[in-house]
Amino acid sequence: FVISKSKFIGTLTQQLYSTGSRAFVPLVIHQ
């Protein structure tokens, strides 16, 4: 699994679209 800054940002951006997926964002960042 390869992670770059743009991949990280792009994945988080997709989660911001709905309240259901936004719920995961803080945990993903923390981990």
PDB file of all heavy atoms in Angstrom:
ATOM      1  N   PHE A   1       0.861  -1.184   0.000  1.00  0.00           N
ATOM      2  CA  PHE A   1       0.000   0.000   0.000  1.00  0.00           C
ATOM      3  C   PHE A   1       0.893   1.228   0.000  1.00  0.00           C
ATOM      4  O   PHE A   1       1.714   1.420   0.902  1.00  0.00           O
ATOM      5  CB  PHE A   1      -0.901  -0.025   1.235  1.00  0.00           C
ATOM      6  CG  PHE A   1      -1.873   1.121   1.334  1.00  0.00           C
ATOM      7  CD1 PHE A   1      -2.480   1.664   0.216  1.00  0.00           C
ATOM      8  CD2 PHE A   1      -2.207   1.652   2.581  1.00  0.00           C
ATOM      9  CE1 PHE A   1      -3.388   2.703   0.322  1.00  0.00           C
ATOM     10  CE2 PHE A   1      -3.109   2.691   2.697  1.00  0.00           C
ATOM     11  CZ  PHE A   1      -3.709   3.219   1.565  1.00  0.00           C
ATOM     12  N   VAL A   2       0.756   2.050  -1.053  1.00  0.00           N
ATOM     13  CA  VAL A   2       1.589   3.239  -1.207  1.00  0.00           C
ATOM     14  C   VAL A   2       0.723   4.473  -0.971  1.00  0.00           C
ATOM     15  O   VAL A   2      -0.366   4.605  -1.544  1.00  0.00           O
ATOM     16  CB  VAL A   2       2.230   3.295  -2.602  1.00  0.00           C
ATOM     17  CG1 VAL A   2       3.146   4.511  -2.720  1.00  0.00           C
ATOM     18  CG2 VAL A   2       3.014   2.013  -2.890  1.00  0.00           C
ATOM     19  N   ILE A   3       1.213   5.362  -0.104  1.00  0.00           N
ATOM     20  CA  ILE A   3       0.449   6.559   0.259  1.00  0.00           C
ATOM     21  C   ILE A   3       1.302   7.794   0.012  1.00  0.00           C
ATOM     22  O   ILE A   3       2.408   7.908   0.540  1.00  0.00           O
ATOM     23  CB  ILE A   3       0.026   6.541   1.737  1.00  0.00           C
ATOM     24  CG1 ILE A   3      -0.572   5.193   2.129  1.00  0.00           C
ATOM     25  CG2 ILE A   3      -0.963   7.664   2.022  1.00  0.00           C
ATOM     26  CD1 ILE A   3       0.392   4.285   2.853  1.00  0.00           C
ATOM     27  N   SER A   4       0.781   8.717  -0.785  1.00  0.00           N
ATOM     28  CA  SER A   4       1.420  10.013  -0.979  1.00  0.00           C
ATOM     29  C   SER A   4       0.522  11.085  -0.382  1.00  0.00           C
ATOM     30  O   SER A   4      -0.620  10.825   0.013  1.00  0.00           O
ATOM     31  CB  SER A   4       1.638  10.288  -2.466  1.00  0.00           C
ATOM     32  OG  SER A   4       0.390  10.407  -3.133  1.00  0.00           O
ATOM     33  N   LYS A   5       1.032  12.297  -0.339  1.00  0.00           N
ATOM     34  CA  LYS A   5       0.222  13.406   0.176  1.00  0.00           C
ATOM     35  C   LYS A   5      -1.046  13.575  -0.650  1.00  0.00           C
ATOM     36  O   LYS A   5      -2.142  13.725  -0.094  1.00  0.00           O
ATOM     37  CB  LYS A   5       1.046  14.699   0.158  1.00  0.00           C
ATOM     38  CG  LYS A   5       0.262  15.927   0.622  1.00  0.00           C
ATOM     39  CD  LYS A   5       1.118  17.189   0.554  1.00  0.00           C
ATOM     40  CE  LYS A   5       0.309  18.428   0.924  1.00  0.00           C
ATOM     41  NZ  LYS A   5       1.124  19.666   0.838  1.00  0.00           N
ATOM     42  N   SER A   6      -0.930  13.530  -1.967  1.00  0.00           N
ATOM     43  CA  SER A   6      -2.102  13.752  -2.810  1.00  0.00           C
ATOM     44  C   SER A   6      -3.110  12.611  -2.670  1.00  0.00           C
ATOM     45  O   SER A   6      -4.328  12.828  -2.731  1.00  0.00           O
ATOM     46  CB  SER A   6      -1.690  13.925  -4.278  1.00  0.00           C
ATOM     47  OG  SER A   6      -1.011  12.784  -4.744  1.00  0.00           O
ATOM     48  N   LYS A   7      -2.621  11.395  -2.459  1.00  0.00           N
ATOM     49  CA  LYS A   7      -3.528  10.256  -2.279  1.00  0.00           C
ATOM     50  C   LYS A   7      -4.268  10.384  -0.942  1.00  0.00           C
ATOM     51  O   LYS A   7      -5.468  10.097  -0.847  1.00  0.00           O
ATOM     52  CB  LYS A   7      -2.756   8.948  -2.340  1.00  0.00           C
ATOM     53  CG  LYS A   7      -3.626   7.688  -2.351  1.00  0.00           C
ATOM     54  CD  LYS A   7      -2.758   6.478  -2.648  1.00  0.00           C
ATOM     55  CE  LYS A   7      -3.575   5.226  -2.889  1.00  0.00           C
ATOM     56  NZ  LYS A   7      -2.720   4.101  -3.338  1.00  0.00           N
ATOM     57  N   PHE A   8      -3.565  10.805   0.075  1.00  0.00           N
ATOM     58  CA  PHE A   8      -4.164  10.998   1.389  1.00  0.00           C
ATOM     59  C   PHE A   8      -5.234  12.092   1.323  1.00  0.00           C
ATOM     60  O   PHE A   8      -6.370  11.903   1.777  1.00  0.00           O
ATOM     61  CB  PHE A   8      -3.073  11.362   2.392  1.00  0.00           C
ATOM     62  CG  PHE A   8      -3.536  11.490   3.812  1.00  0.00           C
ATOM     63  CD1 PHE A   8      -3.951  10.380   4.527  1.00  0.00           C
ATOM     64  CD2 PHE A   8      -3.537  12.726   4.442  1.00  0.00           C
ATOM     65  CE1 PHE A   8      -4.382  10.499   5.839  1.00  0.00           C
ATOM     66  CE2 PHE A   8      -3.955  12.855   5.764  1.00  0.00           C
ATOM     67  CZ  PHE A   8      -4.375  11.733   6.462  1.00  0.00           C
ATOM     68  N   ILE A   9      -4.870  13.221   0.720  1.00  0.00           N
ATOM     69  CA  ILE A   9      -5.817  14.336   0.585  1.00  0.00           C
ATOM     70  C   ILE A   9      -7.022  13.928  -0.257  1.00  0.00           C
ATOM     71  O   ILE A   9      -8.175  14.216   0.073  1.00  0.00           O
ATOM     72  CB  ILE A   9      -5.118  15.561  -0.025  1.00  0.00           C
ATOM     73  CG1 ILE A   9      -4.149  16.178   0.972  1.00  0.00           C
ATOM     74  CG2 ILE A   9      -6.131  16.602  -0.502  1.00  0.00           C
ATOM     75  CD1 ILE A   9      -4.800  16.811   2.175  1.00  0.00           C
ATOM     76  N   GLY A  10      -6.763  13.265  -1.367  1.00  0.00           N
ATOM     77  CA  GLY A  10      -7.850  12.869  -2.259  1.00  0.00           C
ATOM     78  C   GLY A  10      -8.824  11.914  -1.593  1.00  0.00           C
ATOM     79  O   GLY A  10     -10.048  12.027  -1.776  1.00  0.00           O
ATOM     80  N   THR A  11      -8.297  10.977  -0.795  1.00  0.00           N
ATOM     81  CA  THR A  11      -9.162  10.014  -0.114  1.00  0.00           C
ATOM     82  C   THR A  11     -10.008  10.709   0.946  1.00  0.00           C
ATOM     83  O   THR A  11     -11.214  10.457   1.058  1.00  0.00           O
ATOM     84  CB  THR A  11      -8.326   8.899   0.524  1.00  0.00           C
ATOM     85  OG1 THR A  11      -7.510   8.280  -0.485  1.00  0.00           O
ATOM     86  CG2 THR A  11      -9.212   7.836   1.151  1.00  0.00           C
ATOM     87  N   LEU A  12      -9.389  11.595   1.722  1.00  0.00           N
ATOM     88  CA  LEU A  12     -10.161  12.331   2.731  1.00  0.00           C
ATOM     89  C   LEU A  12     -11.223  13.206   2.075  1.00  0.00           C
ATOM     90  O   LEU A  12     -12.346  13.328   2.586  1.00  0.00           O
ATOM     91  CB  LEU A  12      -9.237  13.191   3.590  1.00  0.00           C
ATOM     92  CG  LEU A  12      -8.252  12.465   4.517  1.00  0.00           C
ATOM     93  CD1 LEU A  12      -7.559  13.468   5.431  1.00  0.00           C
ATOM     94  CD2 LEU A  12      -8.932  11.382   5.337  1.00  0.00           C
ATOM     95  N   THR A  13     -10.878  13.818   0.959  1.00  0.00           N
ATOM     96  CA  THR A  13     -11.838  14.685   0.264  1.00  0.00           C
ATOM     97  C   THR A  13     -13.102  13.921  -0.097  1.00  0.00           C
ATOM     98  O   THR A  13     -14.221  14.422   0.083  1.00  0.00           O
ATOM     99  CB  THR A  13     -11.207  15.282  -1.002  1.00  0.00           C
ATOM    100  OG1 THR A  13     -10.123  16.147  -0.628  1.00  0.00           O
ATOM    101  CG2 THR A  13     -12.223  16.074  -1.817  1.00  0.00           C
ATOM    102  N   GLN A  14     -12.951  12.706  -0.592  1.00  0.00           N
ATOM    103  CA  GLN A  14     -14.123  11.919  -0.964  1.00  0.00           C
ATOM    104  C   GLN A  14     -15.019  11.641   0.238  1.00  0.00           C
ATOM    105  O   GLN A  14     -16.240  11.556   0.115  1.00  0.00           O
ATOM    106  CB  GLN A  14     -13.688  10.601  -1.614  1.00  0.00           C
ATOM    107  CG  GLN A  14     -13.068  10.759  -2.987  1.00  0.00           C
ATOM    108  CD  GLN A  14     -13.986  11.478  -3.956  1.00  0.00           C
ATOM    109  OE1 GLN A  14     -15.146  11.112  -4.125  1.00  0.00           O
ATOM    110  NE2 GLN A  14     -13.480  12.532  -4.593  1.00  0.00           N
ATOM    111  N   GLN A  15     -14.409  11.517   1.417  1.00  0.00           N
ATOM    112  CA  GLN A  15     -15.201  11.239   2.620  1.00  0.00           C
ATOM    113  C   GLN A  15     -16.001  12.462   3.080  1.00  0.00           C
ATOM    114  O   GLN A  15     -16.978  12.326   3.807  1.00  0.00           O
ATOM    115  CB  GLN A  15     -14.299  10.771   3.767  1.00  0.00           C
ATOM    116  CG  GLN A  15     -13.317   9.674   3.415  1.00  0.00           C
ATOM    117  CD  GLN A  15     -13.927   8.556   2.608  1.00  0.00           C
ATOM    118  OE1 GLN A  15     -14.939   7.985   3.000  1.00  0.00           O
ATOM    119  NE2 GLN A  15     -13.311   8.231   1.477  1.00  0.00           N
ATOM    120  N   LEU A  16     -15.576  13.654   2.670  1.00  0.00           N
ATOM    121  CA  LEU A  16     -16.238  14.879   3.118  1.00  0.00           C
ATOM    122  C   LEU A  16     -17.601  15.095   2.467  1.00  0.00           C
ATOM    123  O   LEU A  16     -18.372  15.941   2.910  1.00  0.00           O
ATOM    124  CB  LEU A  16     -15.342  16.090   2.851  1.00  0.00           C
ATOM    125  CG  LEU A  16     -14.014  16.139   3.618  1.00  0.00           C
ATOM    126  CD1 LEU A  16     -13.195  17.354   3.184  1.00  0.00           C
ATOM    127  CD2 LEU A  16     -14.254  16.173   5.129  1.00  0.00           C
ATOM    128  N   TYR A  17     -17.913  14.326   1.431  1.00  0.00           N
ATOM    129  CA  TYR A  17     -19.152  14.545   0.688  1.00  0.00           C
ATOM    130  C   TYR A  17     -20.397  14.246   1.513  1.00  0.00           C
ATOM    131  O   TYR A  17     -21.421  14.900   1.352  1.00  0.00           O
ATOM    132  CB  TYR A  17     -19.170  13.688  -0.578  1.00  0.00           C
ATOM    133  CG  TYR A  17     -18.430  14.282  -1.747  1.00  0.00           C
ATOM    134  CD1 TYR A  17     -17.064  14.520  -1.699  1.00  0.00           C
ATOM    135  CD2 TYR A  17     -19.101  14.597  -2.923  1.00  0.00           C
ATOM    136  CE1 TYR A  17     -16.384  15.059  -2.783  1.00  0.00           C
ATOM    137  CE2 TYR A  17     -18.432  15.133  -4.018  1.00  0.00           C
ATOM    138  CZ  TYR A  17     -17.067  15.359  -3.933  1.00  0.00           C
ATOM    139  OH  TYR A  17     -16.397  15.897  -5.004  1.00  0.00           O
ATOM    140  N   SER A  18     -20.353  13.223   2.366  1.00  0.00           N
ATOM    141  CA  SER A  18     -21.552  12.831   3.102  1.00  0.00           C
ATOM    142  C   SER A  18     -21.257  12.713   4.584  1.00  0.00           C
ATOM    143  O   SER A  18     -20.122  12.414   4.990  1.00  0.00           O
ATOM    144  CB  SER A  18     -22.104  11.503   2.581  1.00  0.00           C
ATOM    145  OG  SER A  18     -21.300  10.426   3.016  1.00  0.00           O
ATOM    146  N   THR A  19     -22.292  12.919   5.401  1.00  0.00           N
ATOM    147  CA  THR A  19     -22.093  12.844   6.846  1.00  0.00           C
ATOM    148  C   THR A  19     -21.731  11.427   7.271  1.00  0.00           C
ATOM    149  O   THR A  19     -20.996  11.243   8.245  1.00  0.00           O
ATOM    150  CB  THR A  19     -23.360  13.302   7.581  1.00  0.00           C
ATOM    151  OG1 THR A  19     -24.499  12.603   7.050  1.00  0.00           O
ATOM    152  CG2 THR A  19     -23.580  14.789   7.412  1.00  0.00           C
ATOM    153  N   GLY A  20     -22.230  10.421   6.567  1.00  0.00           N
ATOM    154  CA  GLY A  20     -21.892   9.051   6.904  1.00  0.00           C
ATOM    155  C   GLY A  20     -20.411   8.769   6.783  1.00  0.00           C
ATOM    156  O   GLY A  20     -19.792   8.173   7.677  1.00  0.00           O
ATOM    157  N   SER A  21     -19.797   9.199   5.684  1.00  0.00           N
ATOM    158  CA  SER A  21     -18.373   8.929   5.486  1.00  0.00           C
ATOM    159  C   SER A  21     -17.483   9.922   6.238  1.00  0.00           C
ATOM    160  O   SER A  21     -16.343   9.595   6.590  1.00  0.00           O
ATOM    161  CB  SER A  21     -18.035   8.939   3.987  1.00  0.00           C
ATOM    162  OG  SER A  21     -18.421  10.151   3.377  1.00  0.00           O
ATOM    163  N   ARG A  22     -17.991  11.116   6.524  1.00  0.00           N
ATOM    164  CA  ARG A  22     -17.221  12.078   7.320  1.00  0.00           C
ATOM    165  C   ARG A  22     -16.921  11.530   8.715  1.00  0.00           C
ATOM    166  O   ARG A  22     -15.924  11.889   9.336  1.00  0.00           O
ATOM    167  CB  ARG A  22     -17.992  13.401   7.443  1.00  0.00           C
ATOM    168  CG  ARG A  22     -18.073  14.212   6.168  1.00  0.00           C
ATOM    169  CD  ARG A  22     -19.095  15.345   6.302  1.00  0.00           C
ATOM    170  NE  ARG A  22     -18.648  16.387   7.201  1.00  0.00           N
ATOM    171  CZ  ARG A  22     -17.982  17.480   6.839  1.00  0.00           C
ATOM    172  NH1 ARG A  22     -17.685  17.671   5.565  1.00  0.00           N
ATOM    173  NH2 ARG A  22     -17.624  18.388   7.731  1.00  0.00           N
ATOM    174  N   ALA A  23     -17.783  10.641   9.190  1.00  0.00           N
ATOM    175  CA  ALA A  23     -17.631  10.100  10.537  1.00  0.00           C
ATOM    176  C   ALA A  23     -16.305   9.375  10.732  1.00  0.00           C
ATOM    177  O   ALA A  23     -15.796   9.264  11.856  1.00  0.00           O
ATOM    178  CB  ALA A  23     -18.787   9.141  10.834  1.00  0.00           C
ATOM    179  N   PHE A  24     -15.700   8.874   9.631  1.00  0.00           N
ATOM    180  CA  PHE A  24     -14.464   8.106   9.732  1.00  0.00           C
ATOM    181  C   PHE A  24     -13.203   8.974   9.706  1.00  0.00           C
ATOM    182  O   PHE A  24     -12.116   8.503  10.055  1.00  0.00           O
ATOM    183  CB  PHE A  24     -14.376   7.100   8.576  1.00  0.00           C
ATOM    184  CG  PHE A  24     -15.500   6.115   8.537  1.00  0.00           C
ATOM    185  CD1 PHE A  24     -16.498   6.226   7.572  1.00  0.00           C
ATOM    186  CD2 PHE A  24     -15.589   5.090   9.455  1.00  0.00           C
ATOM    187  CE1 PHE A  24     -17.546   5.321   7.521  1.00  0.00           C
ATOM    188  CE2 PHE A  24     -16.636   4.177   9.414  1.00  0.00           C
ATOM    189  CZ  PHE A  24     -17.611   4.297   8.450  1.00  0.00           C
ATOM    190  N   VAL A  25     -13.327  10.224   9.260  1.00  0.00           N
ATOM    191  CA  VAL A  25     -12.147  11.033   8.958  1.00  0.00           C
ATOM    192  C   VAL A  25     -11.245  11.267  10.170  1.00  0.00           C
ATOM    193  O   VAL A  25     -10.018  11.060  10.073  1.00  0.00           O
ATOM    194  CB  VAL A  25     -12.565  12.363   8.297  1.00  0.00           C
ATOM    195  CG1 VAL A  25     -11.382  13.322   8.192  1.00  0.00           C
ATOM    196  CG2 VAL A  25     -13.142  12.088   6.906  1.00  0.00           C
ATOM    197  N   PRO A  26     -11.745  11.678  11.337  1.00  0.00           N
ATOM    198  CA  PRO A  26     -10.824  11.894  12.462  1.00  0.00           C
ATOM    199  C   PRO A  26     -10.051  10.633  12.847  1.00  0.00           C
ATOM    200  O   PRO A  26      -8.844  10.706  13.122  1.00  0.00           O
ATOM    201  CB  PRO A  26     -11.767  12.341  13.590  1.00  0.00           C
ATOM    202  CG  PRO A  26     -12.931  12.960  12.890  1.00  0.00           C
ATOM    203  CD  PRO A  26     -13.125  12.110  11.673  1.00  0.00           C
ATOM    204  N   LEU A  27     -10.712   9.493  12.858  1.00  0.00           N
ATOM    205  CA  LEU A  27     -10.039   8.242  13.211  1.00  0.00           C
ATOM    206  C   LEU A  27      -8.955   7.895  12.198  1.00  0.00           C
ATOM    207  O   LEU A  27      -7.850   7.479  12.573  1.00  0.00           O
ATOM    208  CB  LEU A  27     -11.064   7.110  13.291  1.00  0.00           C
ATOM    209  CG  LEU A  27     -10.509   5.714  13.629  1.00  0.00           C
ATOM    210  CD1 LEU A  27      -9.891   5.696  15.022  1.00  0.00           C
ATOM    211  CD2 LEU A  27     -11.608   4.653  13.507  1.00  0.00           C
ATOM    212  N   VAL A  28      -9.244   8.082  10.930  1.00  0.00           N
ATOM    213  CA  VAL A  28      -8.255   7.783   9.877  1.00  0.00           C
ATOM    214  C   VAL A  28      -7.029   8.674  10.025  1.00  0.00           C
ATOM    215  O   VAL A  28      -5.886   8.212   9.910  1.00  0.00           O
ATOM    216  CB  VAL A  28      -8.900   7.952   8.484  1.00  0.00           C
ATOM    217  CG1 VAL A  28      -7.834   7.941   7.388  1.00  0.00           C
ATOM    218  CG2 VAL A  28      -9.928   6.856   8.238  1.00  0.00           C
ATOM    219  N   ILE A  29      -7.246   9.964  10.301  1.00  0.00           N
ATOM    220  CA  ILE A  29      -6.126  10.896  10.496  1.00  0.00           C
ATOM    221  C   ILE A  29      -5.316  10.494  11.724  1.00  0.00           C
ATOM    222  O   ILE A  29      -4.079  10.438  11.688  1.00  0.00           O
ATOM    223  CB  ILE A  29      -6.649  12.334  10.637  1.00  0.00           C
ATOM    224  CG1 ILE A  29      -7.244  12.820   9.309  1.00  0.00           C
ATOM    225  CG2 ILE A  29      -5.529  13.279  11.092  1.00  0.00           C
ATOM    226  CD1 ILE A  29      -7.976  14.143   9.429  1.00  0.00           C
ATOM    227  N   HIS A  30      -5.995  10.215  12.824  1.00  0.00           N
ATOM    228  CA  HIS A  30      -5.317   9.851  14.076  1.00  0.00           C
ATOM    229  C   HIS A  30      -4.473   8.594  13.898  1.00  0.00           C
ATOM    230  O   HIS A  30      -3.318   8.544  14.351  1.00  0.00           O
ATOM    231  CB  HIS A  30      -6.369   9.652  15.164  1.00  0.00           C
ATOM    232  CG  HIS A  30      -5.816   9.244  16.493  1.00  0.00           C
ATOM    233  ND1 HIS A  30      -5.011  10.068  17.259  1.00  0.00           N
ATOM    234  CD2 HIS A  30      -5.940   8.083  17.200  1.00  0.00           C
ATOM    235  CE1 HIS A  30      -4.675   9.453  18.380  1.00  0.00           C
ATOM    236  NE2 HIS A  30      -5.216   8.237  18.359  1.00  0.00           N
ATOM    237  N   GLN A  31      -5.029   7.592  13.257  1.00  0.00           N
ATOM    238  CA  GLN A  31      -4.286   6.348  13.061  1.00  0.00           C
ATOM    239  C   GLN A  31      -3.117   6.538  12.094  1.00  0.00           C
ATOM    240  O   GLN A  31      -2.038   5.971  12.283  1.00  0.00           O
ATOM    241  CB  GLN A  31      -5.222   5.252  12.541  1.00  0.00           C
ATOM    242  CG  GLN A  31      -6.217   4.760  13.580  1.00  0.00           C
ATOM    243  CD  GLN A  31      -5.550   4.065  14.761  1.00  0.00           C
ATOM    244  OE1 GLN A  31      -4.582   3.317  14.587  1.00  0.00           O
ATOM    245  NE2 GLN A  31      -6.047   4.315  15.963  1.00  0.00           N
TER     246      GLN A  31
END
